Amino acid sequence: MTIDVIYTEFAETEAGGVSPLYQRLGLAVSRDDDVLALLGTLAPQKWQPQLFFGVVRLLGGPVDDPVLFREFVLAHWPAIAAEMLVRATQTNEPGRCAVLLPVLASLPQPLALLEVGTSAGLCLYPDRYSYRYGATVLGAGDPVIDCSLAGVAAPSRLPEVVWRAGIDLNPLDVRDPLDVAWLDALIWPEHEHRRARLRAAAAIAAADPPLLWRGDLADDLLALAAKAPAEATLVVFHTSVLYQVSAEQQQRFTALVRTLPGHWLSNDTADVIPGAPPAPTAAHNLLALDGQPLAWTRSHGQAMTWIAPE
């Protein structure tokens, strides 16, 4: 896929109806030969709009005006390129816990959670957040995560988590202001509610840090899983991660995770699950348990539509 098509599709399918600023910016980049040429000097895995826009925001550049954005990019490209080469889209959206929760609450308790592509580990605390599923409210205190459900009842309890760990090539530490600044830069500009949610979730994680391993999702999975307490149900999970790795890495990971005790919970692009139905839009992920499709979810956990028998 060419860079201009990537930015057009991002604007129309991902940012459309979610972030008017990023929709406008994505379309502007898709038509700008000079900016496209600069992006073309990077490897294809670095063409992601979220990475590009996040780095510009991290460096203090404007994203609310395509003309000013273009001027900033052309004037500061060496610094932008340097940041893009060493960073990845590590959006750590605790709102995604809302679509994991109905499954996590239904499994034998207590749970040992192991997240692949964990970023700063904010999705390892589904038991510490509060949720609002329409009229059903679970938990107390901040952050409060709103999620609309269709085709499935709201969970009636929070899970009991006794162990939490994660693997990432570059784990982030919410006690480090620079790492938090990067997580903040990855939040789309209009989403102040997500920015407040990040701060509340980061405070929870900083008070009780999870075990985070720097490593590869396949090479280090078995060693970290072996540290989970045997009396807990192991749940290896990931959200919007596997689409970023090669098909060979996906295959290695899925083969390994199926050998482990417990469960594999996936909230990722539909092509991660062989034989899965096509997604309604590019903005939808497929929630699956042990390779069985369960529901369509929106990218930040704001909605879930159940497609499997309840």
Protein backbone atom coordinates (compact mmCIF):
# COMPACT_ATOMS: atom_id res chain seq x y z
CA MET A 1 0.00 0.00 0.00
CA THR A 2 1.39 3.42 -0.93
CA ILE A 3 1.83 6.17 1.66
CA ASP A 4 -0.87 8.40 0.20
CA VAL A 5 -3.40 5.56 0.37
CA ILE A 6 -2.41 4.80 3.98
CA TYR A 7 -3.14 8.39 4.99
CA THR A 8 -6.35 8.56 2.97
CA GLU A 9 -7.67 5.37 4.56
CA PHE A 10 -6.61 6.54 8.02
CA ALA A 11 -8.50 9.80 7.53
CA GLU A 12 -11.63 8.19 6.17
CA THR A 13 -11.95 5.04 8.27
CA GLU A 14 -10.07 5.60 11.53
CA ALA A 15 -10.17 9.33 12.17
CA GLY A 16 -13.53 9.91 10.49
CA GLY A 17 -16.15 10.62 13.15
CA VAL A 18 -13.52 10.22 15.88
CA SER A 19 -10.99 13.02 15.39
CA PRO A 20 -11.89 15.80 12.91
CA LEU A 21 -8.42 17.30 13.30
CA TYR A 22 -6.64 14.07 12.40
CA GLN A 23 -9.10 13.40 9.60
CA ARG A 24 -8.27 16.76 8.04
CA LEU A 25 -4.55 16.29 8.66
CA GLY A 26 -4.54 12.79 7.20
CA LEU A 27 -6.19 13.98 3.99
CA ALA A 28 -3.76 16.92 3.75
CA VAL A 29 -0.73 14.64 4.08
CA SER A 30 -2.14 12.21 1.50
CA ARG A 31 -2.11 15.04 -1.08
CA ASP A 32 1.22 16.64 -0.16
CA ASP A 33 4.03 15.39 -2.39
CA ASP A 34 6.76 17.04 -0.30
CA VAL A 35 5.65 15.48 2.99
CA LEU A 36 5.01 12.11 1.32
CA ALA A 37 8.54 12.19 -0.10
CA LEU A 38 9.99 12.75 3.38
CA LEU A 39 7.97 9.87 4.82
CA GLY A 40 9.16 7.74 1.91
CA THR A 41 12.74 8.00 3.18
CA LEU A 42 11.68 5.88 6.18
CA ALA A 43 10.98 2.16 6.30
CA PRO A 44 7.34 1.22 5.58
CA GLN A 45 6.64 0.25 9.18
CA LYS A 46 7.35 3.88 10.10
CA TRP A 47 4.70 5.34 7.79
CA GLN A 48 1.94 5.04 10.39
CA PRO A 49 -0.09 8.25 10.74
CA GLN A 50 -0.41 7.80 14.52
CA LEU A 51 3.38 7.58 14.85
CA PHE A 52 4.01 10.59 12.60
CA PHE A 53 1.40 12.82 14.22
CA GLY A 54 2.38 11.70 17.73
CA VAL A 55 6.04 12.58 17.17
CA VAL A 56 5.12 16.01 15.81
CA ARG A 57 2.98 16.62 18.91
CA LEU A 58 5.78 15.37 21.19
CA LEU A 59 8.14 17.91 19.62
CA GLY A 60 5.67 20.73 20.12
CA GLY A 61 4.42 20.94 16.55
CA PRO A 62 0.88 22.02 15.57
CA VAL A 63 -1.67 19.44 14.44
CA ASP A 64 -4.73 21.70 14.35
CA ASP A 65 -3.79 23.47 11.11
CA PRO A 66 -2.53 21.51 8.06
CA VAL A 67 -0.61 24.53 6.72
CA LEU A 68 1.25 25.14 9.98
CA PHE A 69 1.78 21.38 10.36
CA ARG A 70 3.38 21.23 6.91
CA GLU A 71 5.67 24.18 7.70
CA PHE A 72 6.77 22.56 10.96
CA VAL A 73 7.47 19.21 9.29
CA LEU A 74 9.54 20.74 6.49
CA ALA A 75 11.52 22.89 8.95
CA HIS A 76 12.12 20.15 11.55
CA TRP A 77 12.23 16.95 9.51
CA PRO A 78 15.64 15.69 10.77
CA ALA A 79 14.43 15.83 14.39
CA ILE A 80 11.07 14.30 13.47
CA ALA A 81 12.70 11.47 11.51
CA ALA A 82 15.12 10.73 14.36
CA GLU A 83 12.23 10.37 16.83
CA MET A 84 10.19 8.24 14.43
CA LEU A 85 13.09 5.85 13.99
CA VAL A 86 13.37 5.10 17.71
CA ARG A 87 9.70 5.21 18.68
CA ALA A 88 6.66 3.03 18.03
CA THR A 89 2.93 3.52 18.38
CA GLN A 90 2.62 2.37 21.97
CA THR A 91 -0.84 3.76 22.59
CA ASN A 92 -1.64 2.44 26.06
CA GLU A 93 -5.40 2.94 26.20
CA PRO A 94 -6.88 1.74 29.53
CA GLY A 95 -10.33 2.15 27.98
CA ARG A 96 -9.76 -1.14 26.16
CA CYS A 97 -10.17 -2.89 29.52
CA ALA A 98 -13.91 -2.26 29.15
CA VAL A 99 -14.18 -4.74 26.27
CA LEU A 100 -11.87 -7.26 27.93
CA LEU A 101 -13.80 -7.17 31.21
CA PRO A 102 -16.87 -9.25 30.22
CA VAL A 103 -14.55 -12.11 29.26
CA LEU A 104 -12.11 -11.72 32.16
CA ALA A 105 -14.98 -11.68 34.68
CA SER A 106 -16.38 -14.93 33.23
CA LEU A 107 -13.18 -16.96 33.61
CA PRO A 108 -12.24 -19.05 36.69
CA GLN A 109 -10.85 -16.70 39.31
CA PRO A 110 -8.29 -15.55 40.38
CA LEU A 111 -6.41 -14.44 37.26
CA ALA A 112 -2.77 -14.06 36.31
CA LEU A 113 -2.58 -11.52 33.49
CA LEU A 114 0.24 -11.48 30.96
CA GLU A 115 0.01 -8.76 28.32
CA VAL A 116 1.91 -8.94 25.04
CA GLY A 117 2.92 -5.53 23.67
CA THR A 118 2.21 -4.03 27.06
CA SER A 119 3.64 -0.52 26.58
CA ALA A 120 3.43 0.88 30.15
CA GLY A 121 1.11 -1.88 31.36
CA LEU A 122 -2.00 0.24 31.90
CA CYS A 123 -4.27 -2.52 30.55
CA LEU A 124 -3.02 -4.84 33.30
CA TYR A 125 -5.33 -3.19 35.86
CA PRO A 126 -8.88 -4.10 34.77
CA ASP A 127 -9.72 -4.82 38.40
CA ARG A 128 -8.69 -1.34 39.58
CA TYR A 129 -10.76 0.80 37.20
CA SER A 130 -14.45 1.74 37.23
CA TYR A 131 -16.83 1.03 34.34
CA ARG A 132 -20.13 2.36 33.10
CA TYR A 133 -22.05 0.07 30.74
CA GLY A 134 -25.19 2.10 30.26
CA ALA A 135 -27.08 1.83 33.57
CA THR A 136 -24.64 -0.72 35.02
CA VAL A 137 -21.75 0.71 37.02
CA LEU A 138 -18.88 -1.38 38.39
CA GLY A 139 -16.09 -0.23 40.66
CA ALA A 140 -15.49 3.07 42.41
CA GLY A 141 -13.10 5.94 41.79
CA ASP A 142 -11.19 7.12 38.73
CA PRO A 143 -10.82 6.43 35.93
CA VAL A 144 -14.41 5.71 34.95
CA ILE A 145 -14.55 3.99 31.55
CA ASP A 146 -17.71 4.24 29.45
CA CYS A 147 -18.56 1.44 27.02
CA SER A 148 -21.72 0.63 25.08
CA LEU A 149 -22.61 -3.05 24.73
CA ALA A 150 -24.78 -4.74 22.11
CA GLY A 151 -25.81 -8.39 22.15
CA VAL A 152 -24.34 -9.20 25.54
CA ALA A 153 -25.15 -8.37 29.15
CA ALA A 154 -22.86 -6.16 31.19
CA PRO A 155 -20.55 -8.05 33.57
CA SER A 156 -21.75 -8.26 37.16
CA ARG A 157 -18.35 -8.27 38.86
CA LEU A 158 -14.76 -7.17 38.53
CA PRO A 159 -12.10 -9.86 38.05
CA GLU A 160 -9.73 -10.85 40.82
CA VAL A 161 -6.16 -10.32 39.60
CA VAL A 162 -3.31 -11.75 41.71
CA TRP A 163 -0.43 -11.39 39.22
CA ARG A 164 0.19 -8.99 36.35
CA ALA A 165 3.10 -8.88 33.92
CA GLY A 166 3.86 -7.70 30.40
CA ILE A 167 6.32 -8.04 27.50
CA ASP A 168 7.34 -5.21 25.20
CA LEU A 169 10.32 -4.43 22.98
CA ASN A 170 10.45 -1.06 24.70
CA PRO A 171 8.42 -1.06 27.93
CA LEU A 172 7.47 2.38 29.23
CA ASP A 173 7.54 3.48 32.86
CA VAL A 174 4.70 5.71 34.06
CA ARG A 175 7.03 6.98 36.78
CA ASP A 176 9.15 8.57 34.03
CA PRO A 177 7.76 11.96 32.85
CA LEU A 178 9.25 11.49 29.36
CA ASP A 179 7.48 8.16 28.92
CA VAL A 180 4.20 9.66 30.07
CA ALA A 181 4.72 12.56 27.66
CA TRP A 182 4.97 10.08 24.78
CA LEU A 183 1.80 8.29 25.86
CA ASP A 184 0.07 11.67 26.04
CA ALA A 185 1.31 12.64 22.56
CA LEU A 186 -0.25 9.47 21.12
CA ILE A 187 -3.72 10.47 22.34
CA TRP A 188 -5.68 12.17 19.57
CA PRO A 189 -5.87 15.94 20.11
CA GLU A 190 -9.58 16.36 20.87
CA HIS A 191 -9.72 13.43 23.30
CA GLU A 192 -9.35 15.23 26.62
CA HIS A 193 -11.36 12.49 28.35
CA ARG A 194 -8.70 9.97 27.29
CA ARG A 195 -5.96 12.30 28.51
CA ALA A 196 -7.60 12.50 31.95
CA ARG A 197 -8.06 8.72 31.91
CA LEU A 198 -4.36 8.25 31.14
CA ARG A 199 -3.37 10.35 34.14
CA ALA A 200 -5.68 8.46 36.48
CA ALA A 201 -4.56 5.03 35.21
CA ALA A 202 -0.89 6.05 35.36
CA ALA A 203 -1.29 6.99 39.03
CA ILE A 204 -2.71 3.52 39.77
CA ALA A 205 0.14 1.78 37.93
CA ALA A 206 2.81 3.98 39.50
CA ALA A 207 1.56 3.07 42.99
CA ASP A 208 1.79 -0.67 42.27
CA PRO A 209 4.04 -1.22 39.21
CA PRO A 210 3.56 -4.44 37.22
CA LEU A 211 6.36 -6.78 36.18
CA LEU A 212 7.45 -5.52 32.74
CA TRP A 213 9.95 -7.45 30.61
CA ARG A 214 11.90 -6.03 27.71
CA GLY A 215 11.70 -8.72 25.06
CA ASP A 216 10.10 -10.24 21.98
CA LEU A 217 6.50 -11.42 22.08
CA ALA A 218 7.46 -14.93 20.96
CA ASP A 219 11.01 -15.40 22.24
CA ASP A 220 10.23 -14.40 25.83
CA LEU A 221 6.63 -15.51 26.22
CA LEU A 222 7.23 -18.94 27.73
CA ALA A 223 9.82 -17.74 30.26
CA LEU A 224 7.58 -14.99 31.58
CA ALA A 225 4.47 -17.19 31.62
CA ALA A 226 6.38 -19.68 33.79
CA LYS A 227 6.52 -17.05 36.55
CA ALA A 228 2.73 -16.88 36.88
CA PRO A 229 1.32 -18.51 40.04
CA ALA A 230 0.04 -21.99 39.32
CA GLU A 231 -3.12 -21.49 41.40
CA ALA A 232 -4.34 -18.66 39.14
CA THR A 233 -5.89 -18.84 35.66
CA LEU A 234 -3.28 -17.55 33.22
CA VAL A 235 -4.66 -15.13 30.61
CA VAL A 236 -2.26 -14.05 27.87
CA PHE A 237 -3.80 -11.08 26.08
CA HIS A 238 -3.05 -8.29 23.64
CA THR A 239 -4.88 -5.26 22.27
CA SER A 240 -4.03 -3.73 18.88
CA VAL A 241 -0.55 -5.29 18.83
CA LEU A 242 -0.17 -8.21 16.41
CA TYR A 243 -1.05 -6.15 13.34
CA GLN A 244 2.27 -4.33 13.90
CA VAL A 245 4.44 -7.46 13.56
CA SER A 246 5.24 -9.69 10.60
CA ALA A 247 3.10 -12.65 9.58
CA GLU A 248 5.94 -14.97 10.62
CA GLN A 249 6.01 -13.44 14.13
CA GLN A 250 2.24 -13.69 14.38
CA GLN A 251 2.38 -17.38 13.52
CA ARG A 252 5.16 -18.09 16.01
CA PHE A 253 3.31 -16.28 18.77
CA THR A 254 -0.07 -17.92 18.15
CA ALA A 255 1.56 -21.36 18.00
CA LEU A 256 3.31 -20.76 21.33
CA VAL A 257 0.37 -19.21 23.17
CA ARG A 258 -1.79 -22.24 22.33
CA THR A 259 0.68 -24.46 24.20
CA LEU A 260 0.22 -22.60 27.48
CA PRO A 261 -2.29 -23.45 30.20
CA GLY A 262 -5.11 -20.99 30.73
CA HIS A 263 -6.47 -18.77 27.97
CA TRP A 264 -5.47 -16.52 25.07
CA LEU A 265 -7.54 -13.34 24.83
CA SER A 266 -7.05 -11.33 21.64
CA ASN A 267 -8.42 -7.88 20.83
CA ASP A 268 -6.73 -7.17 17.52
CA THR A 269 -7.32 -6.92 13.79
CA ALA A 270 -9.51 -9.68 12.40
CA ASP A 271 -6.75 -11.18 10.26
CA VAL A 272 -4.97 -12.33 13.42
CA ILE A 273 -7.62 -15.06 13.79
CA PRO A 274 -7.65 -17.56 10.89
CA GLY A 275 -11.08 -17.85 9.31
CA ALA A 276 -12.48 -14.81 11.12
CA PRO A 277 -15.19 -12.80 9.37
CA PRO A 278 -14.18 -9.47 7.79
CA ALA A 279 -14.34 -6.47 10.09
CA PRO A 280 -17.21 -3.99 9.66
CA THR A 281 -14.65 -1.18 9.27
CA ALA A 282 -10.91 -0.66 9.72
CA ALA A 283 -11.71 1.00 13.06
CA HIS A 284 -12.99 -2.30 14.51
CA ASN A 285 -10.99 -4.97 16.30
CA LEU A 286 -12.05 -8.56 16.80
CA LEU A 287 -12.28 -9.85 20.37
CA ALA A 288 -11.51 -13.58 20.49
CA LEU A 289 -10.95 -16.15 23.23
CA ASP A 290 -8.63 -19.05 22.42
CA GLY A 291 -9.01 -18.24 18.72
CA GLN A 292 -12.83 -18.17 18.77
CA PRO A 293 -14.37 -14.85 17.63
CA LEU A 294 -16.59 -13.24 20.26
CA ALA A 295 -17.27 -9.60 19.43
CA TRP A 296 -16.42 -6.55 17.36
CA THR A 297 -14.86 -3.77 19.44
CA ARG A 298 -13.99 -0.16 18.76
CA SER A 299 -10.34 0.82 18.96
CA HIS A 300 -10.43 2.70 22.28
CA GLY A 301 -12.85 0.37 24.06
CA GLN A 302 -15.83 2.67 23.63
CA ALA A 303 -18.16 0.01 22.20
CA MET A 304 -18.56 -3.74 21.75
CA THR A 305 -20.98 -5.76 19.60
CA TRP A 306 -21.24 -9.45 20.51
CA ILE A 307 -21.30 -11.88 17.56
CA ALA A 308 -20.92 -15.25 19.33
CA PRO A 309 -23.55 -17.13 21.36
CA GLU A 310 -23.49 -15.60 24.82
